[in-house]
Structures are given as C-alpha cells and as structure tokens.
C-alpha cells in the first residue's frame, strides 16, 4: 500500500482488452492504484511480436507484480492461458493475494 491505496496489478490474456479497461476503471474508482499492461498484443498491438519485445514485456509484468499488494486476474469464462498461469504462480510464490474476475473452483 501507498498511503491508503492498495496497489493491484492486472493479469490475464491481452485479448480481453475491453475487460482490462473496465476493471481498471472499476478498481480505480474503488480507490486502488492499478497497474496494467502496456500493450495489448492479442488485440492489435503487433509491436509485441517483434524480436525480444514479448520477452521484455513478460519480465516487466513480473516486476509490476513485485510492486503490487495483489493481482487481479482478468479471466472471462474462466480462461487462463500459459502466461497468466505463470504470473499467478509467481504472485503466489511472492506472497501476493490473487483475486479473479471469474472465481476459480
């Protein structure tokens, strides 16, 4: 936390851009500092797929998790891909709380 504000990093497939934007807005209005992705590779930001960029962004996202108090997983329909699963495992291994758009059973 910084001041009275919990820091939450958003995680999930970048194909869910609309959901990212909706949850970022909702969480911000609830009084949280929200850290999101910088590019939406699966929603048209093709720069992600140039040499070395995806690897850099993946590592950077782990550092965003380091900054956070918890992560919020954007998983419409319960979908969690390989990268998101790795981020969840990383967050849990560093003691971060993990919350989901769609609760996992």
Protein backbone atom coordinates (compact mmCIF):
# COMPACT_ATOMS: atom_id res chain seq x y z
CA UNK A 1 0.00 0.00 0.00
CA UNK A 2 0.95 3.56 -0.54
CA UNK A 3 -0.97 5.83 1.78
CA UNK A 4 -4.49 4.46 1.89
CA UNK A 5 -4.24 2.93 -1.58
CA UNK A 6 -3.81 -0.76 -2.28
CA UNK A 7 -1.74 -1.47 -5.40
CA UNK A 8 -3.28 -4.02 -7.76
CA UNK A 9 -1.65 -5.41 -10.90
CA UNK A 10 -3.98 -6.68 -13.60
CA UNK A 11 -3.10 -10.01 -15.23
CA UNK A 12 -4.75 -12.00 -18.00
CA UNK A 13 -4.77 -12.52 -21.72
CA UNK A 14 -4.41 -9.31 -23.70
CA UNK A 15 -7.22 -10.49 -25.96
CA UNK A 16 -9.53 -9.22 -23.19
CA UNK A 17 -8.75 -5.52 -23.73
CA UNK A 18 -12.30 -4.33 -23.01
CA UNK A 19 -12.37 -6.25 -19.74
CA UNK A 20 -8.96 -4.82 -18.76
CA UNK A 21 -10.22 -1.28 -19.32
CA UNK A 22 -13.49 -1.92 -17.46
CA UNK A 23 -11.75 -3.47 -14.44
CA UNK A 24 -9.06 -0.78 -14.37
CA UNK A 25 -11.78 1.85 -14.20
CA UNK A 26 -13.79 -0.03 -11.55
CA UNK A 27 -10.80 -0.68 -9.31
CA UNK A 28 -9.56 2.91 -9.68
CA UNK A 29 -12.98 4.25 -8.66
CA UNK A 30 -12.85 1.94 -5.62
CA UNK A 31 -9.68 3.76 -4.55
CA UNK A 32 -6.90 1.44 -5.72
CA UNK A 33 -3.71 2.15 -7.63
CA UNK A 34 -4.00 -0.05 -10.71
CA UNK A 35 -1.04 -1.30 -12.74
CA UNK A 36 -1.93 -2.73 -16.14
CA UNK A 37 -0.25 -3.98 -19.29
CA UNK A 38 1.45 -1.51 -21.60
CA UNK A 39 0.41 -3.16 -24.86
CA UNK A 40 -2.41 -5.46 -25.94
CA UNK A 41 -0.62 -7.89 -28.24
CA UNK A 42 -3.64 -10.06 -28.87
CA UNK A 43 -5.81 -7.01 -29.51
CA UNK A 44 -3.80 -5.33 -32.25
CA UNK A 45 -0.57 -4.03 -30.73
CA UNK A 46 1.65 -6.00 -33.10
CA UNK A 47 4.87 -4.43 -31.78
CA UNK A 48 4.69 -7.07 -29.05
CA UNK A 49 5.69 -9.73 -31.56
CA UNK A 50 8.94 -8.12 -32.75
CA UNK A 51 12.31 -9.51 -31.65
CA UNK A 52 12.74 -9.50 -27.89
CA UNK A 53 9.74 -7.30 -27.10
CA UNK A 54 7.41 -10.01 -25.74
CA UNK A 55 10.16 -11.39 -23.52
CA UNK A 56 10.90 -7.89 -22.18
CA UNK A 57 7.21 -7.18 -21.55
CA UNK A 58 6.73 -10.55 -19.83
CA UNK A 59 9.64 -9.82 -17.48
CA UNK A 60 8.40 -6.28 -16.93
CA UNK A 61 4.99 -7.64 -15.94
CA UNK A 62 6.60 -9.76 -13.23
CA UNK A 63 8.23 -6.57 -11.92
CA UNK A 64 4.77 -4.95 -11.91
CA UNK A 65 3.61 -7.86 -9.75
CA UNK A 66 6.57 -7.17 -7.44
CA UNK A 67 5.27 -3.61 -6.98
CA UNK A 68 1.73 -4.74 -6.17
CA UNK A 69 -0.02 -5.81 -3.00
CA UNK A 70 -2.12 -8.23 -5.02
CA UNK A 71 -3.05 -9.22 -8.54
CA UNK A 72 -6.44 -9.26 -10.21
CA UNK A 73 -6.82 -11.88 -12.91
CA UNK A 74 -8.99 -10.98 -15.89
CA UNK A 75 -10.36 -14.37 -16.90
CA UNK A 76 -13.73 -14.14 -18.70
CA UNK A 77 -15.32 -17.56 -18.90
CA UNK A 78 -12.61 -18.84 -16.54
CA UNK A 79 -9.94 -18.67 -19.27
CA UNK A 80 -6.35 -18.67 -18.02
CA UNK A 81 -3.55 -19.11 -20.55
CA UNK A 82 0.02 -20.22 -20.00
CA UNK A 83 1.47 -16.73 -19.42
CA UNK A 84 -1.26 -15.81 -16.97
CA UNK A 85 -0.82 -19.10 -15.11
CA UNK A 86 2.90 -18.30 -14.77
CA UNK A 87 2.05 -14.84 -13.39
CA UNK A 88 -0.39 -16.32 -10.87
CA UNK A 89 2.21 -18.84 -9.71
CA UNK A 90 4.79 -16.06 -9.42
CA UNK A 91 2.42 -13.85 -7.42
CA UNK A 92 1.59 -16.69 -5.04
CA UNK A 93 5.28 -17.57 -4.62
CA UNK A 94 5.97 -13.99 -3.54
CA UNK A 95 3.09 -13.89 -1.06
CA UNK A 96 0.68 -11.78 -3.11
CA UNK A 97 -3.07 -12.19 -2.87
CA UNK A 98 -4.75 -13.33 -6.08
CA UNK A 99 -8.30 -12.34 -6.99
CA UNK A 100 -10.24 -13.25 -10.11
CA UNK A 101 -12.90 -11.72 -12.33
CA UNK A 102 -14.43 -15.20 -12.56
CA UNK A 103 -13.81 -17.19 -9.38
CA UNK A 104 -11.80 -20.36 -9.90
CA UNK A 105 -13.07 -23.56 -8.32
